[in-house]
Amino acid sequence: MDFDLFKSSNFNLATIGTLLGQLLLVGYMVLMPTFFERIFHQTALQAALLITPSTFMIFVSSPLAGKLMKRIPPYYLLALGFVLISSGYLGLSFVNADFNYIFYLICSILIGAGYGMIVGPLSVLSSSDFSGSRLTTSQSVIGVLRQLGTVLATTLFISGLTYNLSFAKGPTDYLSSFTSLYLYTAPVAFVLALLFLLLPVRLKKHKGIH
């Protein structure tokens, strides 16, 4: 690995966004089917279908973000994407026994739209400072980080769920074992949004000083 890649602030931000963005998406995709099967007694097929709105929104918002990048700096699109993901996660934390499909659908759409919004800008940021062999290497690193995000999401969310369930004593506890994970994770996406919104301004000021 060429560690000189990490001298680029754009690349560093892209690596953070890629790793945690993938973690947030997979955290939703991994837990929700189990959530629907165990709490609301849906079949495996029904549970799988209930997470398709987010997948659909990824396909819708990704090309939209590509067009918006012609007018809006990628940092702002990334901030918007993580705000949407944070909002979706926060909404999932309020899901209760009186399941509201419309409310859940909105949360799922927000998460999918948010992830789709960050894919293109992250690709642009990760490659903006490189060319030739370094460009190829940078994309390889991003690919590895995406896989790492998937592994971390599976490990962290399943471990957290297992820990929560070990203390569950009733239906309400079982429900909160799932929803509390989204409540605790929502601030991560919001902090990322602030990072992409505010850090570029500070970097510009820093460069201006020097």
N, C-alpha and C. Protein backbone atom coordinates (compact mmCIF):
# COMPACT_ATOMS: atom_id res chain seq x y z
N MET A 1 0.84 -1.20 0.00
CA MET A 1 0.00 0.00 0.00
C MET A 1 0.88 1.26 0.00
N ASP A 2 0.47 2.24 -0.78
CA ASP A 2 1.18 3.51 -0.84
C ASP A 2 0.61 4.44 0.24
N PHE A 3 1.35 4.57 1.34
CA PHE A 3 0.85 5.37 2.46
C PHE A 3 0.87 6.86 2.16
N ASP A 4 1.52 7.25 1.08
CA ASP A 4 1.49 8.65 0.68
C ASP A 4 0.09 9.09 0.26
N LEU A 5 -0.76 8.11 -0.03
CA LEU A 5 -2.15 8.44 -0.37
C LEU A 5 -2.82 9.21 0.76
N PHE A 6 -2.44 8.88 1.98
CA PHE A 6 -3.10 9.46 3.14
C PHE A 6 -2.61 10.87 3.46
N LYS A 7 -1.72 11.39 2.62
CA LYS A 7 -1.33 12.79 2.75
C LYS A 7 -2.38 13.71 2.13
N SER A 8 -3.30 13.11 1.38
CA SER A 8 -4.39 13.87 0.75
C SER A 8 -5.57 13.96 1.70
N SER A 9 -5.97 15.18 2.05
CA SER A 9 -7.12 15.36 2.94
C SER A 9 -8.41 14.86 2.30
N ASN A 10 -8.53 15.04 0.99
CA ASN A 10 -9.72 14.54 0.29
C ASN A 10 -9.81 13.02 0.39
N PHE A 11 -8.68 12.35 0.21
CA PHE A 11 -8.67 10.89 0.28
C PHE A 11 -8.97 10.42 1.69
N ASN A 12 -8.43 11.10 2.69
CA ASN A 12 -8.69 10.73 4.08
C ASN A 12 -10.17 10.84 4.41
N LEU A 13 -10.80 11.91 3.96
CA LEU A 13 -12.23 12.07 4.19
C LEU A 13 -13.02 10.99 3.47
N ALA A 14 -12.57 10.65 2.26
CA ALA A 14 -13.25 9.61 1.49
C ALA A 14 -13.15 8.25 2.18
N THR A 15 -12.00 7.96 2.78
CA THR A 15 -11.85 6.68 3.47
C THR A 15 -12.77 6.60 4.69
N ILE A 16 -12.86 7.69 5.42
CA ILE A 16 -13.76 7.72 6.59
C ILE A 16 -15.21 7.55 6.15
N GLY A 17 -15.59 8.30 5.12
CA GLY A 17 -16.96 8.23 4.63
C GLY A 17 -17.31 6.86 4.07
N THR A 18 -16.36 6.24 3.35
CA THR A 18 -16.60 4.92 2.77
C THR A 18 -16.77 3.87 3.84
N LEU A 19 -15.86 3.84 4.80
CA LEU A 19 -15.90 2.84 5.86
C LEU A 19 -17.18 2.95 6.68
N LEU A 20 -17.48 4.15 7.16
CA LEU A 20 -18.64 4.32 8.04
C LEU A 20 -19.95 4.33 7.26
N GLY A 21 -19.93 4.81 6.02
CA GLY A 21 -21.13 4.75 5.20
C GLY A 21 -21.55 3.32 4.94
N GLN A 22 -20.57 2.47 4.62
CA GLN A 22 -20.86 1.05 4.40
C GLN A 22 -21.33 0.39 5.68
N LEU A 23 -20.72 0.76 6.79
CA LEU A 23 -21.12 0.21 8.09
C LEU A 23 -22.58 0.54 8.39
N LEU A 24 -22.97 1.78 8.12
CA LEU A 24 -24.34 2.20 8.41
C LEU A 24 -25.35 1.51 7.50
N LEU A 25 -25.01 1.34 6.23
CA LEU A 25 -25.93 0.65 5.32
C LEU A 25 -26.10 -0.81 5.71
N VAL A 26 -24.98 -1.50 5.90
CA VAL A 26 -25.04 -2.93 6.21
C VAL A 26 -25.67 -3.16 7.58
N GLY A 27 -25.44 -2.24 8.52
CA GLY A 27 -26.07 -2.36 9.83
C GLY A 27 -27.59 -2.40 9.72
N TYR A 28 -28.11 -1.63 8.79
CA TYR A 28 -29.56 -1.65 8.54
C TYR A 28 -29.96 -2.95 7.84
N MET A 29 -29.22 -3.32 6.80
CA MET A 29 -29.57 -4.49 6.00
C MET A 29 -29.47 -5.79 6.80
N VAL A 30 -28.53 -5.85 7.74
CA VAL A 30 -28.32 -7.07 8.51
C VAL A 30 -29.38 -7.25 9.59
N LEU A 31 -29.69 -6.18 10.31
CA LEU A 31 -30.58 -6.30 11.47
C LEU A 31 -32.06 -6.37 11.12
N MET A 32 -32.48 -5.60 10.12
CA MET A 32 -33.92 -5.46 9.90
C MET A 32 -34.63 -6.76 9.53
N PRO A 33 -34.06 -7.63 8.67
CA PRO A 33 -34.76 -8.89 8.41
C PRO A 33 -34.97 -9.71 9.69
N THR A 34 -33.94 -9.78 10.53
CA THR A 34 -34.08 -10.49 11.80
C THR A 34 -35.11 -9.82 12.70
N PHE A 35 -35.11 -8.50 12.68
CA PHE A 35 -36.07 -7.71 13.46
C PHE A 35 -37.50 -8.07 13.07
N PHE A 36 -37.78 -8.10 11.77
CA PHE A 36 -39.14 -8.40 11.31
C PHE A 36 -39.53 -9.84 11.59
N GLU A 37 -38.58 -10.75 11.48
CA GLU A 37 -38.89 -12.16 11.71
C GLU A 37 -39.14 -12.45 13.19
N ARG A 38 -38.31 -11.89 14.06
CA ARG A 38 -38.40 -12.23 15.48
C ARG A 38 -39.44 -11.40 16.23
N ILE A 39 -39.59 -10.14 15.86
CA ILE A 39 -40.50 -9.26 16.61
C ILE A 39 -41.90 -9.25 16.00
N PHE A 40 -41.99 -9.20 14.68
CA PHE A 40 -43.30 -9.08 14.03
C PHE A 40 -43.69 -10.35 13.28
N HIS A 41 -42.89 -11.41 13.44
CA HIS A 41 -43.23 -12.74 12.93
C HIS A 41 -43.50 -12.76 11.43
N GLN A 42 -42.72 -12.01 10.69
CA GLN A 42 -42.81 -12.04 9.24
C GLN A 42 -42.03 -13.24 8.71
N THR A 43 -42.39 -13.69 7.51
CA THR A 43 -41.61 -14.74 6.88
C THR A 43 -40.30 -14.15 6.37
N ALA A 44 -39.37 -15.03 6.01
CA ALA A 44 -38.08 -14.55 5.49
C ALA A 44 -38.28 -13.73 4.22
N LEU A 45 -39.21 -14.16 3.37
CA LEU A 45 -39.48 -13.43 2.13
C LEU A 45 -40.08 -12.06 2.43
N GLN A 46 -41.04 -12.01 3.34
CA GLN A 46 -41.64 -10.73 3.70
C GLN A 46 -40.61 -9.78 4.31
N ALA A 47 -39.75 -10.32 5.16
CA ALA A 47 -38.71 -9.50 5.78
C ALA A 47 -37.75 -8.94 4.73
N ALA A 48 -37.41 -9.78 3.75
CA ALA A 48 -36.52 -9.33 2.68
C ALA A 48 -37.17 -8.23 1.85
N LEU A 49 -38.46 -8.39 1.57
CA LEU A 49 -39.17 -7.39 0.77
C LEU A 49 -39.29 -6.06 1.50
N LEU A 50 -39.33 -6.10 2.82
CA LEU A 50 -39.49 -4.88 3.60
C LEU A 50 -38.24 -3.99 3.61
N ILE A 51 -37.10 -4.54 3.19
CA ILE A 51 -35.91 -3.69 3.10
C ILE A 51 -35.61 -3.26 1.67
N THR A 52 -36.45 -3.69 0.72
CA THR A 52 -36.22 -3.30 -0.68
C THR A 52 -36.42 -1.81 -0.95
N PRO A 53 -37.26 -1.08 -0.21
CA PRO A 53 -37.37 0.37 -0.49
C PRO A 53 -36.03 1.09 -0.41
N SER A 54 -35.19 0.70 0.54
CA SER A 54 -33.88 1.35 0.66
C SER A 54 -33.01 1.01 -0.54
N THR A 55 -33.06 -0.24 -0.99
CA THR A 55 -32.28 -0.64 -2.17
C THR A 55 -32.73 0.12 -3.40
N PHE A 56 -34.04 0.25 -3.55
CA PHE A 56 -34.58 0.99 -4.69
C PHE A 56 -34.11 2.44 -4.66
N MET A 57 -34.11 3.04 -3.48
CA MET A 57 -33.71 4.45 -3.37
C MET A 57 -32.23 4.65 -3.65
N ILE A 58 -31.41 3.64 -3.39
CA ILE A 58 -29.99 3.74 -3.74
C ILE A 58 -29.84 3.90 -5.24
N PHE A 59 -30.60 3.11 -5.99
CA PHE A 59 -30.53 3.18 -7.45
C PHE A 59 -31.10 4.50 -7.98
N VAL A 60 -32.06 5.06 -7.27
CA VAL A 60 -32.66 6.32 -7.70
C VAL A 60 -31.75 7.51 -7.38
N SER A 61 -31.23 7.53 -6.15
CA SER A 61 -30.49 8.71 -5.70
C SER A 61 -29.05 8.76 -6.19
N SER A 62 -28.46 7.60 -6.52
CA SER A 62 -27.07 7.60 -6.99
C SER A 62 -26.89 8.40 -8.28
N PRO A 63 -27.69 8.14 -9.32
CA PRO A 63 -27.54 8.97 -10.53
C PRO A 63 -27.94 10.42 -10.30
N LEU A 64 -28.90 10.65 -9.40
CA LEU A 64 -29.29 12.02 -9.08
C LEU A 64 -28.12 12.78 -8.46
N ALA A 65 -27.41 12.12 -7.55
CA ALA A 65 -26.23 12.75 -6.93
C ALA A 65 -25.17 13.05 -7.98
N GLY A 66 -25.04 12.15 -8.97
CA GLY A 66 -24.08 12.39 -10.04
C GLY A 66 -24.38 13.66 -10.81
N LYS A 67 -25.65 13.91 -11.04
CA LYS A 67 -26.04 15.14 -11.75
C LYS A 67 -25.87 16.37 -10.86
N LEU A 68 -26.19 16.21 -9.58
CA LEU A 68 -26.09 17.35 -8.66
C LEU A 68 -24.64 17.78 -8.45
N MET A 69 -23.69 16.85 -8.63
CA MET A 69 -22.29 17.20 -8.42
C MET A 69 -21.79 18.25 -9.41
N LYS A 70 -22.51 18.42 -10.52
CA LYS A 70 -22.14 19.46 -11.48
C LYS A 70 -22.42 20.86 -10.93
N ARG A 71 -23.31 20.92 -9.94
CA ARG A 71 -23.71 22.22 -9.38
C ARG A 71 -23.36 22.38 -7.91
N ILE A 72 -23.28 21.26 -7.21
CA ILE A 72 -23.08 21.30 -5.76
C ILE A 72 -21.77 20.59 -5.41
N PRO A 73 -20.91 21.19 -4.59
CA PRO A 73 -19.66 20.53 -4.18
C PRO A 73 -19.93 19.19 -3.52
N PRO A 74 -19.08 18.18 -3.77
CA PRO A 74 -19.33 16.85 -3.22
C PRO A 74 -19.42 16.81 -1.70
N TYR A 75 -18.69 17.70 -1.02
CA TYR A 75 -18.75 17.72 0.44
C TYR A 75 -20.17 17.96 0.94
N TYR A 76 -20.89 18.85 0.28
CA TYR A 76 -22.24 19.18 0.72
C TYR A 76 -23.22 18.03 0.43
N LEU A 77 -22.98 17.34 -0.67
CA LEU A 77 -23.82 16.17 -0.98
C LEU A 77 -23.57 15.06 0.04
N LEU A 78 -22.31 14.91 0.45
CA LEU A 78 -21.99 13.92 1.47
C LEU A 78 -22.66 14.28 2.80
N ALA A 79 -22.62 15.55 3.15
CA ALA A 79 -23.29 15.99 4.38
C ALA A 79 -24.78 15.70 4.32
N LEU A 80 -25.40 15.99 3.17
CA LEU A 80 -26.82 15.71 3.00
C LEU A 80 -27.10 14.22 3.12
N GLY A 81 -26.26 13.40 2.49
CA GLY A 81 -26.46 11.96 2.53
C GLY A 81 -26.41 11.41 3.95
N PHE A 82 -25.44 11.85 4.72
CA PHE A 82 -25.32 11.34 6.09
C PHE A 82 -26.43 11.90 7.00
N VAL A 83 -26.93 13.09 6.71
CA VAL A 83 -28.09 13.61 7.46
C VAL A 83 -29.30 12.73 7.19
N LEU A 84 -29.50 12.33 5.94
CA LEU A 84 -30.62 11.45 5.60
C LEU A 84 -30.49 10.10 6.30
N ILE A 85 -29.28 9.54 6.29
CA ILE A 85 -29.07 8.26 6.97
C ILE A 85 -29.32 8.40 8.47
N SER A 86 -28.81 9.47 9.05
CA SER A 86 -29.01 9.71 10.48
C SER A 86 -30.49 9.84 10.80
N SER A 87 -31.24 10.53 9.95
CA SER A 87 -32.68 10.69 10.16
C SER A 87 -33.40 9.36 10.08
N GLY A 88 -33.01 8.52 9.11
CA GLY A 88 -33.60 7.20 8.98
C GLY A 88 -33.32 6.33 10.19
N TYR A 89 -32.08 6.35 10.66
CA TYR A 89 -31.71 5.58 11.84
C TYR A 89 -32.47 6.07 13.07
N LEU A 90 -32.56 7.37 13.22
CA LEU A 90 -33.27 7.93 14.37
C LEU A 90 -34.74 7.52 14.33
N GLY A 91 -35.32 7.54 13.13
CA GLY A 91 -36.71 7.12 12.99
C GLY A 91 -36.90 5.66 13.38
N LEU A 92 -35.97 4.79 12.98
CA LEU A 92 -36.08 3.37 13.32
C LEU A 92 -36.04 3.14 14.83
N SER A 93 -35.39 4.02 15.54
CA SER A 93 -35.30 3.86 17.00
C SER A 93 -36.65 4.09 17.68
N PHE A 94 -37.61 4.67 16.95
CA PHE A 94 -38.94 4.94 17.51
C PHE A 94 -39.98 3.91 17.07
N VAL A 95 -39.57 2.90 16.32
CA VAL A 95 -40.50 1.85 15.93
C VAL A 95 -40.96 1.11 17.18
N ASN A 96 -42.27 0.92 17.30
CA ASN A 96 -42.81 0.25 18.49
C ASN A 96 -43.69 -0.92 18.10
N ALA A 97 -44.34 -1.50 19.09
CA ALA A 97 -45.15 -2.70 18.86
C ALA A 97 -46.31 -2.43 17.90
N ASP A 98 -46.83 -1.20 17.90
CA ASP A 98 -47.89 -0.83 16.95
C ASP A 98 -47.23 -0.41 15.64
N PHE A 99 -46.79 -1.40 14.90
CA PHE A 99 -45.93 -1.15 13.74
C PHE A 99 -46.67 -0.33 12.68
N ASN A 100 -46.07 0.78 12.28
CA ASN A 100 -46.62 1.66 11.26
C ASN A 100 -45.79 1.51 10.00
N TYR A 101 -46.36 0.86 8.98
CA TYR A 101 -45.60 0.57 7.77
C TYR A 101 -45.19 1.85 7.04
N ILE A 102 -46.05 2.85 7.06
CA ILE A 102 -45.72 4.11 6.37
C ILE A 102 -44.53 4.78 7.03
N PHE A 103 -44.53 4.81 8.35
CA PHE A 103 -43.41 5.42 9.07
C PHE A 103 -42.12 4.66 8.80
N TYR A 104 -42.21 3.32 8.84
CA TYR A 104 -41.02 2.51 8.56
C TYR A 104 -40.55 2.73 7.13
N LEU A 105 -41.49 2.80 6.19
CA LEU A 105 -41.15 3.01 4.79
C LEU A 105 -40.36 4.31 4.60
N ILE A 106 -40.78 5.35 5.29
CA ILE A 106 -40.07 6.64 5.21
C ILE A 106 -38.64 6.49 5.72
N CYS A 107 -38.48 5.78 6.84
CA CYS A 107 -37.13 5.57 7.39
C CYS A 107 -36.25 4.79 6.42
N SER A 108 -36.82 3.76 5.82
CA SER A 108 -36.08 2.95 4.86
C SER A 108 -35.67 3.76 3.64
N ILE A 109 -36.58 4.58 3.16
CA ILE A 109 -36.30 5.44 2.01
C ILE A 109 -35.19 6.44 2.34
N LEU A 110 -35.24 7.01 3.54
CA LEU A 110 -34.21 7.97 3.95
C LEU A 110 -32.82 7.33 3.97
N ILE A 111 -32.74 6.12 4.50
CA ILE A 111 -31.44 5.44 4.57
C ILE A 111 -30.92 5.12 3.17
N GLY A 112 -31.79 4.59 2.32
CA GLY A 112 -31.37 4.28 0.95
C GLY A 112 -30.99 5.51 0.16
N ALA A 113 -31.80 6.56 0.28
CA ALA A 113 -31.51 7.81 -0.43
C ALA A 113 -30.21 8.42 0.06
N GLY A 114 -29.98 8.34 1.37
CA GLY A 114 -28.75 8.89 1.94
C GLY A 114 -27.52 8.16 1.44
N TYR A 115 -27.59 6.84 1.42
CA TYR A 115 -26.43 6.07 0.96
C TYR A 115 -26.19 6.31 -0.53
N GLY A 116 -27.25 6.33 -1.30
CA GLY A 116 -27.10 6.61 -2.73
C GLY A 116 -26.50 7.98 -2.99
N MET A 117 -26.80 8.92 -2.09
CA MET A 117 -26.30 10.29 -2.25
C MET A 117 -24.80 10.39 -1.99
N ILE A 118 -24.24 9.47 -1.20
CA ILE A 118 -22.82 9.58 -0.85
C ILE A 118 -21.90 8.76 -1.76
N VAL A 119 -22.44 7.82 -2.51
CA VAL A 119 -21.60 6.92 -3.30
C VAL A 119 -20.77 7.67 -4.33
N GLY A 120 -21.43 8.49 -5.15
CA GLY A 120 -20.72 9.23 -6.19
C GLY A 120 -19.72 10.23 -5.64
N PRO A 121 -20.12 11.09 -4.71
CA PRO A 121 -19.18 12.06 -4.14
C PRO A 121 -17.97 11.41 -3.48
N LEU A 122 -18.16 10.26 -2.81
CA LEU A 122 -17.02 9.58 -2.20
C LEU A 122 -16.04 9.11 -3.26
N SER A 123 -16.56 8.62 -4.38
CA SER A 123 -15.70 8.19 -5.48
C SER A 123 -14.90 9.36 -6.04
N VAL A 124 -15.56 10.50 -6.17
CA VAL A 124 -14.88 11.70 -6.68
C VAL A 124 -13.79 12.15 -5.72
N LEU A 125 -14.10 12.21 -4.43
CA LEU A 125 -13.12 12.65 -3.44
C LEU A 125 -11.92 11.72 -3.37
N SER A 126 -12.18 10.42 -3.44
CA SER A 126 -11.09 9.45 -3.29
C SER A 126 -10.10 9.49 -4.44
N SER A 127 -10.53 10.00 -5.59
CA SER A 127 -9.66 10.00 -6.77
C SER A 127 -9.24 11.39 -7.23
N SER A 128 -9.74 12.43 -6.56
CA SER A 128 -9.56 13.79 -7.07
C SER A 128 -8.11 14.26 -7.06
N ASP A 129 -7.28 13.72 -6.18
CA ASP A 129 -5.89 14.20 -6.06
C ASP A 129 -4.87 13.27 -6.71
N PHE A 130 -5.35 12.24 -7.44
CA PHE A 130 -4.42 11.24 -7.96
C PHE A 130 -4.60 11.02 -9.46
N SER A 131 -3.58 10.41 -10.04
CA SER A 131 -3.63 10.01 -11.44
C SER A 131 -2.70 8.81 -11.62
N GLY A 132 -2.83 8.12 -12.73
CA GLY A 132 -1.95 7.00 -13.02
C GLY A 132 -2.07 5.87 -12.02
N SER A 133 -0.92 5.34 -11.60
CA SER A 133 -0.91 4.18 -10.70
C SER A 133 -1.49 4.51 -9.33
N ARG A 134 -1.31 5.74 -8.89
CA ARG A 134 -1.87 6.12 -7.59
C ARG A 134 -3.39 6.14 -7.61
N LEU A 135 -3.95 6.51 -8.74
CA LEU A 135 -5.40 6.48 -8.88
C LEU A 135 -5.92 5.06 -8.74
N THR A 136 -5.25 4.12 -9.40
CA THR A 136 -5.63 2.72 -9.30
C THR A 136 -5.50 2.21 -7.87
N THR A 137 -4.39 2.57 -7.22
CA THR A 137 -4.16 2.15 -5.84
C THR A 137 -5.20 2.73 -4.90
N SER A 138 -5.55 3.99 -5.11
CA SER A 138 -6.53 4.63 -4.24
C SER A 138 -7.88 3.92 -4.30
N GLN A 139 -8.27 3.50 -5.50
CA GLN A 139 -9.55 2.82 -5.64
C GLN A 139 -9.52 1.42 -5.04
N SER A 140 -8.34 0.79 -5.08
CA SER A 140 -8.19 -0.51 -4.42
C SER A 140 -8.35 -0.38 -2.92
N VAL A 141 -7.76 0.67 -2.36
CA VAL A 141 -7.88 0.92 -0.91
C VAL A 141 -9.34 1.18 -0.54
N ILE A 142 -10.02 1.97 -1.35
CA ILE A 142 -11.43 2.26 -1.09
C ILE A 142 -12.26 0.97 -1.13
N GLY A 143 -11.94 0.09 -2.07
CA GLY A 143 -12.65 -1.19 -2.16
C GLY A 143 -12.44 -2.04 -0.92
N VAL A 144 -11.21 -2.07 -0.42
CA VAL A 144 -10.91 -2.82 0.80
C VAL A 144 -11.66 -2.23 2.00
N LEU A 145 -11.70 -0.91 2.09
CA LEU A 145 -12.40 -0.26 3.20
C LEU A 145 -13.90 -0.52 3.14
N ARG A 146 -14.43 -0.62 1.93
CA ARG A 146 -15.85 -0.93 1.79
C ARG A 146 -16.14 -2.33 2.34
N GLN A 147 -15.26 -3.28 2.01
CA GLN A 147 -15.42 -4.64 2.53
C GLN A 147 -15.24 -4.67 4.05
N LEU A 148 -14.29 -3.87 4.53
CA LEU A 148 -14.07 -3.80 5.97
C LEU A 148 -15.28 -3.23 6.69
N GLY A 149 -15.92 -2.25 6.08
CA GLY A 149 -17.14 -1.69 6.65
C GLY A 149 -18.24 -2.72 6.77
N THR A 150 -18.34 -3.59 5.76
CA THR A 150 -19.33 -4.66 5.79
C THR A 150 -19.07 -5.62 6.93
N VAL A 151 -17.81 -6.02 7.08
CA VAL A 151 -17.44 -6.95 8.15
C VAL A 151 -17.67 -6.32 9.52
N LEU A 152 -17.25 -5.08 9.68
CA LEU A 152 -17.43 -4.40 10.96
C LEU A 152 -18.90 -4.24 11.32
N ALA A 153 -19.72 -3.90 10.32
CA ALA A 153 -21.15 -3.74 10.58
C ALA A 153 -21.76 -5.04 11.08
N THR A 154 -21.45 -6.13 10.39
CA THR A 154 -21.98 -7.43 10.80
C THR A 154 -21.55 -7.78 12.21
N THR A 155 -20.26 -7.57 12.48
CA THR A 155 -19.72 -7.91 13.80
C THR A 155 -20.31 -7.04 14.90
N LEU A 156 -20.29 -5.72 14.70
CA LEU A 156 -20.72 -4.80 15.74
C LEU A 156 -22.21 -4.88 16.01
N PHE A 157 -23.01 -4.89 14.94
CA PHE A 157 -24.46 -4.89 15.14
C PHE A 157 -24.96 -6.22 15.70
N ILE A 158 -24.42 -7.32 15.19
CA ILE A 158 -24.86 -8.62 15.71
C ILE A 158 -24.39 -8.81 17.15
N SER A 159 -23.16 -8.37 17.44
CA SER A 159 -22.66 -8.47 18.82
C SER A 159 -23.50 -7.60 19.76
N GLY A 160 -23.82 -6.39 19.31
CA GLY A 160 -24.65 -5.50 20.11
C GLY A 160 -26.03 -6.07 20.35
N LEU A 161 -26.60 -6.67 19.30
CA LEU A 161 -27.92 -7.28 19.42
C LEU A 161 -27.89 -8.45 20.39
N THR A 162 -26.88 -9.30 20.26
CA THR A 162 -26.75 -10.46 21.15
C THR A 162 -26.63 -10.02 22.60
N TYR A 163 -25.84 -8.98 22.82
CA TYR A 163 -25.67 -8.44 24.18
C TYR A 163 -27.00 -7.91 24.72
N ASN A 164 -27.71 -7.15 23.91
CA ASN A 164 -28.99 -6.59 24.36
C ASN A 164 -30.01 -7.68 24.66
N LEU A 165 -30.05 -8.69 23.79
CA LEU A 165 -31.03 -9.76 23.97
C LEU A 165 -30.75 -10.58 25.22
N SER A 166 -29.50 -10.61 25.65
CA SER A 166 -29.16 -11.39 26.85
C SER A 166 -29.80 -10.79 28.10
N PHE A 167 -30.20 -9.53 28.03
CA PHE A 167 -30.85 -8.86 29.17
C PHE A 167 -32.36 -8.71 28.97
N ALA A 168 -32.87 -9.11 27.82
CA ALA A 168 -34.29 -8.92 27.52
C ALA A 168 -35.14 -9.91 28.32
N LYS A 169 -36.23 -9.39 28.90
CA LYS A 169 -37.10 -10.23 29.72
C LYS A 169 -38.54 -10.25 29.22
N GLY A 170 -38.87 -9.36 28.30
CA GLY A 170 -40.24 -9.31 27.80
C GLY A 170 -40.28 -8.74 26.40
N PRO A 171 -41.48 -8.68 25.80
CA PRO A 171 -41.62 -8.17 24.43
C PRO A 171 -41.05 -6.77 24.23
N THR A 172 -41.27 -5.90 25.21
CA THR A 172 -40.75 -4.53 25.09
C THR A 172 -39.23 -4.52 25.06
N ASP A 173 -38.63 -5.37 25.90
CA ASP A 173 -37.17 -5.46 25.94
C ASP A 173 -36.61 -6.01 24.63
N TYR A 174 -37.30 -7.00 24.08
CA TYR A 174 -36.85 -7.56 22.80
C TYR A 174 -36.91 -6.51 21.70
N LEU A 175 -37.96 -5.72 21.71
CA LEU A 175 -38.10 -4.66 20.71
C LEU A 175 -36.99 -3.63 20.85
N SER A 176 -36.75 -3.20 22.08
CA SER A 176 -35.73 -2.17 22.31
C SER A 176 -34.32 -2.70 22.08
N SER A 177 -34.15 -4.02 22.13
CA SER A 177 -32.83 -4.60 21.83
C SER A 177 -32.39 -4.25 20.42
N PHE A 178 -33.36 -4.17 19.52
CA PHE A 178 -33.06 -3.78 18.14
C PHE A 178 -33.02 -2.27 17.98
N THR A 179 -34.09 -1.61 18.43
CA THR A 179 -34.22 -0.18 18.15
C THR A 179 -33.15 0.67 18.84
N SER A 180 -32.68 0.22 20.01
CA SER A 180 -31.66 1.01 20.72
C SER A 180 -30.36 1.08 19.93
N LEU A 181 -30.08 0.05 19.15
CA LEU A 181 -28.85 0.06 18.34
C LEU A 181 -28.89 1.19 17.31
N TYR A 182 -30.07 1.43 16.75
CA TYR A 182 -30.20 2.53 15.78
C TYR A 182 -30.16 3.88 16.48
N LEU A 183 -30.69 3.93 17.68
CA LEU A 183 -30.65 5.18 18.44
C LEU A 183 -29.21 5.58 18.77
N TYR A 184 -28.40 4.59 19.15
CA TYR A 184 -27.01 4.88 19.52
C TYR A 184 -26.14 5.17 18.30
N THR A 185 -26.53 4.65 17.14
CA THR A 185 -25.71 4.80 15.94
C THR A 185 -26.07 6.05 15.14
N ALA A 186 -27.29 6.54 15.28
CA ALA A 186 -27.73 7.72 14.52
C ALA A 186 -26.79 8.91 14.69
N PRO A 187 -26.29 9.20 15.90
CA PRO A 187 -25.37 10.34 16.04
C PRO A 187 -24.09 10.20 15.23
N VAL A 188 -23.66 8.95 14.96
CA VAL A 188 -22.45 8.75 14.16
C VAL A 188 -22.62 9.35 12.78
N ALA A 189 -23.77 9.07 12.16
CA ALA A 189 -24.05 9.61 10.83
C ALA A 189 -24.17 11.13 10.87
N PHE A 190 -24.75 11.64 11.94
CA PHE A 190 -24.90 13.10 12.05
C PHE A 190 -23.55 13.78 12.22
N VAL A 191 -22.66 13.18 13.01
CA VAL A 191 -21.31 13.74 13.18
C VAL A 191 -20.56 13.72 11.85
N LEU A 192 -20.74 12.65 11.08
CA LEU A 192 -20.11 12.59 9.76
C LEU A 192 -20.62 13.71 8.85
N ALA A 193 -21.92 13.98 8.94
CA ALA A 193 -22.49 15.08 8.15
C ALA A 193 -21.82 16.40 8.51
N LEU A 194 -21.67 16.64 9.81
CA LEU A 194 -21.00 17.87 10.25
C LEU A 194 -19.55 17.91 9.79
N LEU A 195 -18.89 16.75 9.81
CA LEU A 195 -17.50 16.67 9.36
C LEU A 195 -17.36 17.11 7.92
N PHE A 196 -18.22 16.58 7.06
CA PHE A 196 -18.14 16.92 5.64
C PHE A 196 -18.63 18.34 5.36
N LEU A 197 -19.44 18.86 6.24
CA LEU A 197 -19.96 20.21 6.04
C LEU A 197 -18.96 21.27 6.50
N LEU A 198 -18.28 21.02 7.60
CA LEU A 198 -17.44 22.05 8.23
C LEU A 198 -15.95 21.90 7.96
N LEU A 199 -15.46 20.68 7.85
CA LEU A 199 -14.02 20.49 7.71
C LEU A 199 -13.44 21.10 6.44
N PRO A 200 -14.10 20.97 5.29
CA PRO A 200 -13.55 21.60 4.08
C PRO A 200 -13.33 23.10 4.23
N VAL A 201 -14.21 23.77 4.96
CA VAL A 201 -14.05 25.21 5.19
C VAL A 201 -12.78 25.48 5.98
N ARG A 202 -12.53 24.66 6.99
CA ARG A 202 -11.33 24.83 7.80
C ARG A 202 -10.07 24.52 7.00
N LEU A 203 -10.17 23.52 6.12
CA LEU A 203 -9.01 23.18 5.29
C LEU A 203 -8.67 24.32 4.34
N LYS A 204 -9.69 24.97 3.80
CA LYS A 204 -9.44 26.10 2.91
C LYS A 204 -8.78 27.25 3.66
N LYS A 205 -9.25 27.50 4.89
CA LYS A 205 -8.65 28.56 5.69
C LYS A 205 -7.20 28.24 6.02
N HIS A 206 -6.95 26.95 6.32
CA HIS A 206 -5.59 26.52 6.65
C HIS A 206 -4.65 26.71 5.47
N LYS A 207 -5.13 26.36 4.28
CA LYS A 207 -4.32 26.54 3.08
C LYS A 207 -4.09 28.02 2.80
N GLY A 208 -5.11 28.83 3.12
CA GLY A 208 -4.98 30.26 2.88
C GLY A 208 -3.93 30.89 3.77
N ILE A 209 -3.81 30.37 5.00
CA ILE A 209 -2.82 30.89 5.95
C ILE A 209 -1.40 30.58 5.47
N HIS A 210 -1.27 29.38 4.88
CA HIS A 210 0.04 28.97 4.43
C HIS A 210 0.29 29.38 2.97
